[in-house]
Amino acid sequence: MGSHPRWADRYVLADGLTTHYLEAGDGPPLVLLHGGEYGASAELTWENCISELAQRRRVLAIDFVGFGRSDKVRDFGGQRRLMRRQIAAVLRTLRIESADFVGTSLSGRMLLDVANRRDPEWPIRAMVVAGIGLAAPAAVGRAVLEDFDGTVDGLRPSMDVLFHDPRWKISEEYLLRRYESCMVPGAWETATAGSLRAPARAGEGRPHVRPPARDYRGIRVPTCLIRGRYDQLVPPRTWQELAAQIPGSRTVTIDGSGHYPQIERAGEFVDAVLGFLKDASGGEE
């Protein structure tokens, strides 16, 4: 599954929250953000990319609150809002005034939403967004990712949704590592708390509402959209519709991979990221 790259484990207290992140390399800052499924973390998402990216960049792979080794906190007024504030606070504390970003799945959506604002909370110079289309993820696959009972066997179906390559889809080693990440004290509880409903609203089902298609025509930062060819959560059409909305966006399809090409095809993914960022900077790197 690839050798583990070297990085430094770091913690920073910002805006009252302790955030864990991985840091490696020197050069222009590159912020890596992970997805939102059970067991997601900076390490499990980016471990096969960090070493090569760090040859040209100062890589910061951050655990969102509720995930990995960051604080386990739930904002019932909006968890994504809390995550956006967390990342903004971390970068301010580290005195990073401008950075390139790579987001995948949940964090890819967050990057699009932040960059689409008149006054973005994050200092995005250029961004790579993987595993996201214009519409919300396919309902069937999303339901599998959300239906986790806290057991190894309960987590197993998500492997079929996230991956295409059998080496990852049936990997017991990786499944157990993801399960261990799910069972970090507070992680499962923080994620599952999003499903809690007051007794008076018990019949309303899950608290999230499937959002309408977005309008991202306000994005002006250089953008690259990456999709694994066999991504079950992002049909080609909605991915192409997203690309059509963002002026000058680049699209890259990575063969042999599903929702997480940065794991299944790390080499091709890194090449796509570095090639795009070099072009976005005018070839100055």
C-alpha atoms as a PDB file:
ATOM      1  CA  MET A   1       0.000   0.000   0.000  1.00  0.00           C
ATOM      2  CA  GLY A   2       3.017   2.301  -0.173  1.00  0.00           C
ATOM      3  CA  SER A   3       5.563   3.311   2.420  1.00  0.00           C
ATOM      4  CA  HIS A   4       4.670   5.790   5.106  1.00  0.00           C
ATOM      5  CA  PRO A   5       6.284   9.163   4.430  1.00  0.00           C
ATOM      6  CA  ARG A   6       8.025  11.160   7.094  1.00  0.00           C
ATOM      7  CA  TRP A   7       6.246  14.064   8.657  1.00  0.00           C
ATOM      8  CA  ALA A   8       6.064  15.910  11.944  1.00  0.00           C
ATOM      9  CA  ASP A   9       3.006  15.519  14.165  1.00  0.00           C
ATOM     10  CA  ARG A  10       2.018  18.944  15.416  1.00  0.00           C
ATOM     11  CA  TYR A  11      -0.703  20.523  17.515  1.00  0.00           C
ATOM     12  CA  VAL A  12      -1.840  24.132  17.604  1.00  0.00           C
ATOM     13  CA  LEU A  13      -4.302  25.891  19.897  1.00  0.00           C
ATOM     14  CA  ALA A  14      -6.360  28.306  17.803  1.00  0.00           C
ATOM     15  CA  ASP A  15      -9.705  29.917  18.577  1.00  0.00           C
ATOM     16  CA  GLY A  16     -10.038  27.748  21.685  1.00  0.00           C
ATOM     17  CA  LEU A  17      -9.647  24.458  19.792  1.00  0.00           C
ATOM     18  CA  THR A  18      -6.684  22.101  19.694  1.00  0.00           C
ATOM     19  CA  THR A  19      -6.007  21.036  16.120  1.00  0.00           C
ATOM     20  CA  HIS A  20      -3.709  18.215  15.094  1.00  0.00           C
ATOM     21  CA  TYR A  21      -1.904  18.402  11.768  1.00  0.00           C
ATOM     22  CA  LEU A  22       0.913  16.769   9.841  1.00  0.00           C
ATOM     23  CA  GLU A  23       3.704  18.968   8.495  1.00  0.00           C
ATOM     24  CA  ALA A  24       6.453  18.186   6.016  1.00  0.00           C
ATOM     25  CA  GLY A  25       8.670  20.009   3.539  1.00  0.00           C
ATOM     26  CA  ASP A  26       9.494  23.610   2.760  1.00  0.00           C
ATOM     27  CA  GLY A  27       8.287  26.105   0.218  1.00  0.00           C
ATOM     28  CA  PRO A  28       4.903  27.651  -0.554  1.00  0.00           C
ATOM     29  CA  PRO A  29       2.203  26.370   1.844  1.00  0.00           C
ATOM     30  CA  LEU A  30      -0.062  23.582   0.629  1.00  0.00           C
ATOM     31  CA  VAL A  31      -3.030  22.753   2.861  1.00  0.00           C
ATOM     32  CA  LEU A  32      -4.532  19.259   2.590  1.00  0.00           C
ATOM     33  CA  LEU A  33      -8.035  18.642   3.925  1.00  0.00           C
ATOM     34  CA  HIS A  34      -9.763  15.277   4.329  1.00  0.00           C
ATOM     35  CA  GLY A  35     -13.292  13.962   3.758  1.00  0.00           C
ATOM     36  CA  GLY A  36     -16.147  13.552   6.191  1.00  0.00           C
ATOM     37  CA  GLU A  37     -16.881   9.815   6.361  1.00  0.00           C
ATOM     38  CA  TYR A  38     -16.508   7.833   9.557  1.00  0.00           C
ATOM     39  CA  GLY A  39     -12.831   7.245  10.319  1.00  0.00           C
ATOM     40  CA  ALA A  40     -11.517   9.990   8.035  1.00  0.00           C
ATOM     41  CA  SER A  41      -8.289  11.700   9.060  1.00  0.00           C
ATOM     42  CA  ALA A  42      -5.403  13.634   7.584  1.00  0.00           C
ATOM     43  CA  GLU A  43      -3.083  10.640   7.862  1.00  0.00           C
ATOM     44  CA  LEU A  44      -5.376   8.029   6.329  1.00  0.00           C
ATOM     45  CA  THR A  45      -6.339  10.350   3.490  1.00  0.00           C
ATOM     46  CA  TRP A  46      -2.962  11.838   2.553  1.00  0.00           C
ATOM     47  CA  GLU A  47      -0.232   9.478   3.792  1.00  0.00           C
ATOM     48  CA  ASN A  48       0.620   8.269   0.280  1.00  0.00           C
ATOM     49  CA  CYS A  49       0.880  11.808  -1.132  1.00  0.00           C
ATOM     50  CA  ILE A  50       2.688  13.817   1.536  1.00  0.00           C
ATOM     51  CA  SER A  51       6.249  12.689   0.850  1.00  0.00           C
ATOM     52  CA  GLU A  52       6.216  13.631  -2.830  1.00  0.00           C
ATOM     53  CA  LEU A  53       4.266  16.842  -2.324  1.00  0.00           C
ATOM     54  CA  ALA A  54       6.703  17.877   0.406  1.00  0.00           C
ATOM     55  CA  GLN A  55       9.588  17.827  -2.053  1.00  0.00           C
ATOM     56  CA  ARG A  56       8.233  21.104  -3.442  1.00  0.00           C
ATOM     57  CA  ARG A  57       5.867  22.411  -0.779  1.00  0.00           C
ATOM     58  CA  ARG A  58       5.376  23.039   2.898  1.00  0.00           C
ATOM     59  CA  VAL A  59       2.582  20.537   3.400  1.00  0.00           C
ATOM     60  CA  LEU A  60       0.037  20.976   6.181  1.00  0.00           C
ATOM     61  CA  ALA A  61      -2.465  18.100   6.406  1.00  0.00           C
ATOM     62  CA  ILE A  62      -5.053  19.094   8.988  1.00  0.00           C
ATOM     63  CA  ASP A  63      -7.489  17.024  11.070  1.00  0.00           C
ATOM     64  CA  PHE A  64     -10.869  18.726  11.230  1.00  0.00           C
ATOM     65  CA  VAL A  65     -12.487  19.029  14.644  1.00  0.00           C
ATOM     66  CA  GLY A  66     -14.237  15.755  15.424  1.00  0.00           C
ATOM     67  CA  PHE A  67     -11.714  13.765  13.390  1.00  0.00           C
ATOM     68  CA  GLY A  68      -8.268  12.258  13.876  1.00  0.00           C
ATOM     69  CA  ARG A  69      -6.467  13.729  16.844  1.00  0.00           C
ATOM     70  CA  SER A  70      -8.110  17.154  16.840  1.00  0.00           C
ATOM     71  CA  ASP A  71     -10.602  18.151  19.541  1.00  0.00           C
ATOM     72  CA  LYS A  72     -13.920  16.323  19.470  1.00  0.00           C
ATOM     73  CA  VAL A  73     -16.461  19.134  19.306  1.00  0.00           C
ATOM     74  CA  ARG A  74     -19.912  19.305  17.729  1.00  0.00           C
ATOM     75  CA  ASP A  75     -21.640  22.553  16.772  1.00  0.00           C
ATOM     76  CA  PHE A  76     -25.332  21.769  16.464  1.00  0.00           C
ATOM     77  CA  GLY A  77     -25.802  25.111  14.766  1.00  0.00           C
ATOM     78  CA  GLY A  78     -23.595  23.970  11.893  1.00  0.00           C
ATOM     79  CA  GLN A  79     -20.587  21.661  11.963  1.00  0.00           C
ATOM     80  CA  ARG A  80     -19.208  22.880   8.649  1.00  0.00           C
ATOM     81  CA  ARG A  81     -19.304  26.434   9.936  1.00  0.00           C
ATOM     82  CA  LEU A  82     -17.216  25.317  12.909  1.00  0.00           C
ATOM     83  CA  MET A  83     -14.759  23.575  10.577  1.00  0.00           C
ATOM     84  CA  ARG A  84     -14.420  26.686   8.431  1.00  0.00           C
ATOM     85  CA  ARG A  85     -13.667  28.773  11.502  1.00  0.00           C
ATOM     86  CA  GLN A  86     -11.186  26.150  12.701  1.00  0.00           C
ATOM     87  CA  ILE A  87      -9.131  26.168   9.506  1.00  0.00           C
ATOM     88  CA  ALA A  88      -9.167  29.972   9.321  1.00  0.00           C
ATOM     89  CA  ALA A  89      -7.981  30.204  12.931  1.00  0.00           C
ATOM     90  CA  VAL A  90      -5.229  27.628  12.439  1.00  0.00           C
ATOM     91  CA  LEU A  91      -3.824  29.447   9.413  1.00  0.00           C
ATOM     92  CA  ARG A  92      -3.961  32.803  11.187  1.00  0.00           C
ATOM     93  CA  THR A  93      -2.148  31.334  14.174  1.00  0.00           C
ATOM     94  CA  LEU A  94       0.519  29.826  11.924  1.00  0.00           C
ATOM     95  CA  ARG A  95       0.781  33.180  10.120  1.00  0.00           C
ATOM     96  CA  ILE A  96      -0.059  31.723   6.736  1.00  0.00           C
ATOM     97  CA  GLU A  97      -1.478  34.569   4.680  1.00  0.00           C
ATOM     98  CA  SER A  98      -1.764  32.733   1.360  1.00  0.00           C
ATOM     99  CA  ALA A  99      -1.839  29.029   0.496  1.00  0.00           C
ATOM    100  CA  ASP A 100      -2.866  26.502  -2.092  1.00  0.00           C
ATOM    101  CA  PHE A 101      -5.470  23.982  -0.970  1.00  0.00           C
ATOM    102  CA  VAL A 102      -6.408  20.423  -1.839  1.00  0.00           C
ATOM    103  CA  GLY A 103      -9.782  19.181  -0.634  1.00  0.00           C
ATOM    104  CA  THR A 104     -11.577  15.904  -1.173  1.00  0.00           C
ATOM    105  CA  SER A 105     -15.237  14.979  -0.814  1.00  0.00           C
ATOM    106  CA  LEU A 106     -16.604  17.011   2.145  1.00  0.00           C
ATOM    107  CA  SER A 107     -13.604  19.348   2.240  1.00  0.00           C
ATOM    108  CA  GLY A 108     -13.776  19.748  -1.517  1.00  0.00           C
ATOM    109  CA  ARG A 109     -17.328  21.047  -1.147  1.00  0.00           C
ATOM    110  CA  MET A 110     -16.170  23.370   1.625  1.00  0.00           C
ATOM    111  CA  LEU A 111     -13.393  24.742  -0.585  1.00  0.00           C
ATOM    112  CA  LEU A 112     -15.878  25.493  -3.341  1.00  0.00           C
ATOM    113  CA  ASP A 113     -18.250  27.195  -0.916  1.00  0.00           C
ATOM    114  CA  VAL A 114     -15.512  29.300   0.693  1.00  0.00           C
ATOM    115  CA  ALA A 115     -13.933  30.330  -2.621  1.00  0.00           C
ATOM    116  CA  ASN A 116     -17.348  31.300  -3.963  1.00  0.00           C
ATOM    117  CA  ARG A 117     -17.801  33.994  -1.309  1.00  0.00           C
ATOM    118  CA  ARG A 118     -17.022  37.657  -1.802  1.00  0.00           C
ATOM    119  CA  ASP A 119     -14.828  37.625   1.305  1.00  0.00           C
ATOM    120  CA  PRO A 120     -13.402  34.068   1.637  1.00  0.00           C
ATOM    121  CA  GLU A 121     -12.529  32.910   5.159  1.00  0.00           C
ATOM    122  CA  TRP A 122      -9.513  30.990   3.899  1.00  0.00           C
ATOM    123  CA  PRO A 123      -6.542  32.530   2.030  1.00  0.00           C
ATOM    124  CA  ILE A 124      -6.972  30.431  -1.111  1.00  0.00           C
ATOM    125  CA  ARG A 125      -4.452  31.159  -3.860  1.00  0.00           C
ATOM    126  CA  ALA A 126      -5.374  28.124  -5.986  1.00  0.00           C
ATOM    127  CA  MET A 127      -7.273  24.954  -5.212  1.00  0.00           C
ATOM    128  CA  VAL A 128      -7.630  21.336  -6.221  1.00  0.00           C
ATOM    129  CA  VAL A 129     -11.034  19.805  -5.532  1.00  0.00           C
ATOM    130  CA  ALA A 130     -11.494  16.029  -5.740  1.00  0.00           C
ATOM    131  CA  GLY A 131     -14.600  13.879  -5.513  1.00  0.00           C
ATOM    132  CA  ILE A 132     -17.280  16.565  -5.848  1.00  0.00           C
ATOM    133  CA  GLY A 133     -19.882  17.439  -8.463  1.00  0.00           C
ATOM    134  CA  LEU A 134     -22.392  20.234  -8.760  1.00  0.00           C
ATOM    135  CA  ALA A 135     -25.140  18.264  -7.027  1.00  0.00           C
ATOM    136  CA  ALA A 136     -24.945  16.455  -3.684  1.00  0.00           C
ATOM    137  CA  PRO A 137     -23.293  12.991  -3.630  1.00  0.00           C
ATOM    138  CA  ALA A 138     -25.326  10.079  -4.986  1.00  0.00           C
ATOM    139  CA  ALA A 139     -27.917   9.194  -2.369  1.00  0.00           C
ATOM    140  CA  VAL A 140     -27.360   5.426  -2.343  1.00  0.00           C
ATOM    141  CA  GLY A 141     -23.626   5.676  -1.740  1.00  0.00           C
ATOM    142  CA  ARG A 142     -24.038   8.457   0.776  1.00  0.00           C
ATOM    143  CA  ALA A 143     -26.524   6.363   2.767  1.00  0.00           C
ATOM    144  CA  VAL A 144     -23.975   3.549   3.032  1.00  0.00           C
ATOM    145  CA  LEU A 145     -21.317   5.920   4.375  1.00  0.00           C
ATOM    146  CA  GLU A 146     -23.720   7.333   6.959  1.00  0.00           C
ATOM    147  CA  ASP A 147     -25.029   3.948   8.152  1.00  0.00           C
ATOM    148  CA  PHE A 148     -22.301   2.869  10.584  1.00  0.00           C
ATOM    149  CA  ASP A 149     -23.116   1.031  13.812  1.00  0.00           C
ATOM    150  CA  GLY A 150     -19.694   1.231  15.442  1.00  0.00           C
ATOM    151  CA  THR A 151     -18.512  -2.251  14.430  1.00  0.00           C
ATOM    152  CA  VAL A 152     -15.867  -3.402  11.966  1.00  0.00           C
ATOM    153  CA  ASP A 153     -18.484  -5.231   9.896  1.00  0.00           C
ATOM    154  CA  GLY A 154     -20.668  -2.128   9.969  1.00  0.00           C
ATOM    155  CA  LEU A 155     -17.816  -0.131   8.437  1.00  0.00           C
ATOM    156  CA  ARG A 156     -17.005  -2.710   5.757  1.00  0.00           C
ATOM    157  CA  PRO A 157     -19.697  -1.664   3.201  1.00  0.00           C
ATOM    158  CA  SER A 158     -18.195   1.809   2.997  1.00  0.00           C
ATOM    159  CA  MET A 159     -15.061   0.320   1.447  1.00  0.00           C
ATOM    160  CA  ASP A 160     -17.122  -0.724  -1.584  1.00  0.00           C
ATOM    161  CA  VAL A 161     -18.381   2.840  -1.965  1.00  0.00           C
ATOM    162  CA  LEU A 162     -15.069   4.647  -1.494  1.00  0.00           C
ATOM    163  CA  PHE A 163     -12.783   2.427  -3.561  1.00  0.00           C
ATOM    164  CA  HIS A 164     -12.604   0.775  -6.956  1.00  0.00           C
ATOM    165  CA  ASP A 165      -9.232  -0.986  -6.797  1.00  0.00           C
ATOM    166  CA  PRO A 166      -9.646  -4.398  -5.089  1.00  0.00           C
ATOM    167  CA  ARG A 167      -6.332  -3.879  -3.281  1.00  0.00           C
ATOM    168  CA  TRP A 168      -8.050  -1.200  -1.233  1.00  0.00           C
ATOM    169  CA  LYS A 169     -11.645  -2.365  -1.388  1.00  0.00           C
ATOM    170  CA  ILE A 170     -10.871  -5.698   0.310  1.00  0.00           C
ATOM    171  CA  SER A 171      -7.870  -4.627   2.387  1.00  0.00           C
ATOM    172  CA  GLU A 172      -8.438  -5.824   5.951  1.00  0.00           C
ATOM    173  CA  GLU A 173      -5.395  -3.851   7.082  1.00  0.00           C
ATOM    174  CA  TYR A 174      -6.774  -0.568   5.808  1.00  0.00           C
ATOM    175  CA  LEU A 175     -10.280  -1.374   7.060  1.00  0.00           C
ATOM    176  CA  LEU A 176      -8.937  -1.968  10.564  1.00  0.00           C
ATOM    177  CA  ARG A 177      -6.937   1.250  10.467  1.00  0.00           C
ATOM    178  CA  ARG A 178     -10.053   3.161   9.494  1.00  0.00           C
ATOM    179  CA  TYR A 179     -11.969   1.428  12.253  1.00  0.00           C
ATOM    180  CA  GLU A 180      -9.311   2.411  14.781  1.00  0.00           C
ATOM    181  CA  SER A 181      -9.687   5.990  13.607  1.00  0.00           C
ATOM    182  CA  CYS A 182     -13.457   5.726  14.088  1.00  0.00           C
ATOM    183  CA  MET A 183     -12.900   4.532  17.649  1.00  0.00           C
ATOM    184  CA  VAL A 184     -10.593   7.339  18.802  1.00  0.00           C
ATOM    185  CA  PRO A 185     -12.334   8.574  21.982  1.00  0.00           C
ATOM    186  CA  GLY A 186     -15.084  10.960  20.996  1.00  0.00           C
ATOM    187  CA  ALA A 187     -14.804  10.505  17.223  1.00  0.00           C
ATOM    188  CA  TRP A 188     -17.769   8.175  16.716  1.00  0.00           C
ATOM    189  CA  GLU A 189     -19.866  10.112  19.213  1.00  0.00           C
ATOM    190  CA  THR A 190     -19.106  13.456  17.561  1.00  0.00           C
ATOM    191  CA  ALA A 191     -20.052  12.174  14.117  1.00  0.00           C
ATOM    192  CA  THR A 192     -23.143  10.311  15.277  1.00  0.00           C
ATOM    193  CA  ALA A 193     -24.366  13.310  17.268  1.00  0.00           C
ATOM    194  CA  GLY A 194     -25.294  14.895  13.963  1.00  0.00           C
ATOM    195  CA  SER A 195     -28.187  12.428  13.771  1.00  0.00           C
ATOM    196  CA  LEU A 196     -29.712  13.349  17.135  1.00  0.00           C
ATOM    197  CA  ARG A 197     -33.208  14.806  17.083  1.00  0.00           C
ATOM    198  CA  ALA A 198     -35.321  16.337  19.805  1.00  0.00           C
ATOM    199  CA  PRO A 199     -38.254  14.081  20.846  1.00  0.00           C
ATOM    200  CA  ALA A 200     -40.753  16.479  19.231  1.00  0.00           C
ATOM    201  CA  ARG A 201     -38.946  16.025  15.898  1.00  0.00           C
ATOM    202  CA  ALA A 202     -38.230  12.309  16.161  1.00  0.00           C
ATOM    203  CA  GLY A 203     -40.210  11.450  13.032  1.00  0.00           C
ATOM    204  CA  GLU A 204     -38.374  13.846  10.752  1.00  0.00           C
ATOM    205  CA  GLY A 205     -35.506  11.510   9.910  1.00  0.00           C
ATOM    206  CA  ARG A 206     -31.923  12.656   9.505  1.00  0.00           C
ATOM    207  CA  PRO A 207     -31.267  16.321  10.263  1.00  0.00           C
ATOM    208  CA  HIS A 208     -29.569  17.198   7.000  1.00  0.00           C
ATOM    209  CA  VAL A 209     -31.580  18.242   3.984  1.00  0.00           C
ATOM    210  CA  ARG A 210     -30.408  17.354   0.506  1.00  0.00           C
ATOM    211  CA  PRO A 211     -29.289  20.745  -0.814  1.00  0.00           C
ATOM    212  CA  PRO A 212     -30.216  22.090  -4.221  1.00  0.00           C
ATOM    213  CA  ALA A 213     -27.605  22.360  -6.939  1.00  0.00           C
ATOM    214  CA  ARG A 214     -25.156  25.164  -6.209  1.00  0.00           C
ATOM    215  CA  ASP A 215     -24.061  28.133  -8.262  1.00  0.00           C
ATOM    216  CA  TYR A 216     -20.274  28.442  -8.296  1.00  0.00           C
ATOM    217  CA  ARG A 217     -19.910  31.030 -11.011  1.00  0.00           C
ATOM    218  CA  GLY A 218     -18.447  33.438  -8.472  1.00  0.00           C
ATOM    219  CA  ILE A 219     -15.212  31.435  -8.070  1.00  0.00           C
ATOM    220  CA  ARG A 220     -12.210  33.330  -9.379  1.00  0.00           C
ATOM    221  CA  VAL A 221      -9.206  31.429  -8.012  1.00  0.00           C
ATOM    222  CA  PRO A 222      -7.474  28.881 -10.276  1.00  0.00           C
ATOM    223  CA  THR A 223      -9.315  25.584  -9.825  1.00  0.00           C
ATOM    224  CA  CYS A 224      -8.606  21.973 -10.770  1.00  0.00           C
ATOM    225  CA  LEU A 225     -11.347  19.366 -10.476  1.00  0.00           C
ATOM    226  CA  ILE A 226     -10.252  15.734 -10.104  1.00  0.00           C
ATOM    227  CA  ARG A 227     -12.505  12.689 -10.337  1.00  0.00           C
ATOM    228  CA  GLY A 228     -11.764   8.990 -10.097  1.00  0.00           C
ATOM    229  CA  ARG A 229     -13.209   7.365 -13.186  1.00  0.00           C
ATOM    230  CA  TYR A 230     -15.274   4.912 -11.125  1.00  0.00           C
ATOM    231  CA  ASP A 231     -16.437   7.309  -8.403  1.00  0.00           C
ATOM    232  CA  GLN A 232     -19.792   5.971  -7.197  1.00  0.00           C
ATOM    233  CA  LEU A 233     -20.658   9.173  -5.356  1.00  0.00           C
ATOM    234  CA  VAL A 234     -20.024  11.636  -8.191  1.00  0.00           C
ATOM    235  CA  PRO A 235     -21.595  10.767 -11.563  1.00  0.00           C
ATOM    236  CA  PRO A 236     -19.723  12.197 -14.580  1.00  0.00           C
ATOM    237  CA  ARG A 237     -22.577  14.510 -15.544  1.00  0.00           C
ATOM    238  CA  THR A 238     -22.720  16.440 -12.269  1.00  0.00           C
ATOM    239  CA  TRP A 239     -18.913  16.720 -12.251  1.00  0.00           C
ATOM    240  CA  GLN A 240     -18.968  18.161 -15.767  1.00  0.00           C
ATOM    241  CA  GLU A 241     -21.740  20.566 -14.775  1.00  0.00           C
ATOM    242  CA  LEU A 242     -19.565  21.837 -11.939  1.00  0.00           C
ATOM    243  CA  ALA A 243     -16.619  22.372 -14.280  1.00  0.00           C
ATOM    244  CA  ALA A 244     -18.831  24.331 -16.675  1.00  0.00           C
ATOM    245  CA  GLN A 245     -19.692  26.800 -13.905  1.00  0.00           C
ATOM    246  CA  ILE A 246     -16.115  27.650 -12.847  1.00  0.00           C
ATOM    247  CA  PRO A 247     -14.307  29.917 -15.302  1.00  0.00           C
ATOM    248  CA  GLY A 248     -11.084  28.387 -16.612  1.00  0.00           C
ATOM    249  CA  SER A 249     -11.255  25.301 -14.428  1.00  0.00           C
ATOM    250  CA  ARG A 250      -9.093  22.287 -15.295  1.00  0.00           C
ATOM    251  CA  THR A 251     -10.514  18.769 -15.151  1.00  0.00           C
ATOM    252  CA  VAL A 252      -8.552  15.573 -14.585  1.00  0.00           C
ATOM    253  CA  THR A 253      -9.932  12.019 -14.609  1.00  0.00           C
ATOM    254  CA  ILE A 254      -7.805   9.399 -12.879  1.00  0.00           C
ATOM    255  CA  ASP A 255      -8.200   5.849 -14.157  1.00  0.00           C
ATOM    256  CA  GLY A 256      -8.399   2.826 -11.895  1.00  0.00           C
ATOM    257  CA  SER A 257      -9.815   4.696  -8.932  1.00  0.00           C
ATOM    258  CA  GLY A 258     -13.070   5.458  -7.195  1.00  0.00           C
ATOM    259  CA  HIS A 259     -13.943   8.273  -4.827  1.00  0.00           C
ATOM    260  CA  TYR A 260     -10.440   8.612  -3.360  1.00  0.00           C
ATOM    261  CA  PRO A 261      -7.832   8.653  -6.149  1.00  0.00           C
ATOM    262  CA  GLN A 262      -5.304  10.218  -3.734  1.00  0.00           C
ATOM    263  CA  ILE A 263      -5.293   6.832  -1.985  1.00  0.00           C
ATOM    264  CA  GLU A 264      -5.779   4.381  -4.851  1.00  0.00           C
ATOM    265  CA  ARG A 265      -3.629   6.186  -7.428  1.00  0.00           C
ATOM    266  CA  ALA A 266      -1.465   8.497  -5.349  1.00  0.00           C
ATOM    267  CA  GLY A 267       1.255   8.946  -7.982  1.00  0.00           C
ATOM    268  CA  GLU A 268      -1.123  10.103 -10.689  1.00  0.00           C
ATOM    269  CA  PHE A 269      -2.943  12.292  -8.189  1.00  0.00           C
ATOM    270  CA  VAL A 270       0.239  14.034  -7.036  1.00  0.00           C
ATOM    271  CA  ASP A 271       1.358  14.580 -10.625  1.00  0.00           C
ATOM    272  CA  ALA A 272      -1.969  16.214 -11.426  1.00  0.00           C
ATOM    273  CA  VAL A 273      -1.817  18.449  -8.344  1.00  0.00           C
ATOM    274  CA  LEU A 274       1.773  19.601  -8.838  1.00  0.00           C
ATOM    275  CA  GLY A 275       1.332  20.130 -12.569  1.00  0.00           C
ATOM    276  CA  PHE A 276      -1.737  22.266 -12.006  1.00  0.00           C
ATOM    277  CA  LEU A 277      -0.161  24.310  -9.203  1.00  0.00           C
ATOM    278  CA  LYS A 278       2.913  24.949 -11.311  1.00  0.00           C
ATOM    279  CA  ASP A 279       0.765  26.274 -14.133  1.00  0.00           C
ATOM    280  CA  ALA A 280      -1.368  28.293 -11.711  1.00  0.00           C
ATOM    281  CA  SER A 281       1.756  30.031 -10.400  1.00  0.00           C
ATOM    282  CA  GLY A 282       2.985  30.831 -13.889  1.00  0.00           C
ATOM    283  CA  GLY A 283       5.622  28.092 -13.796  1.00  0.00           C
ATOM    284  CA  GLU A 284       7.576  29.823 -11.043  1.00  0.00           C
ATOM    285  CA  GLU A 285       7.887  26.800  -8.727  1.00  0.00           C
END
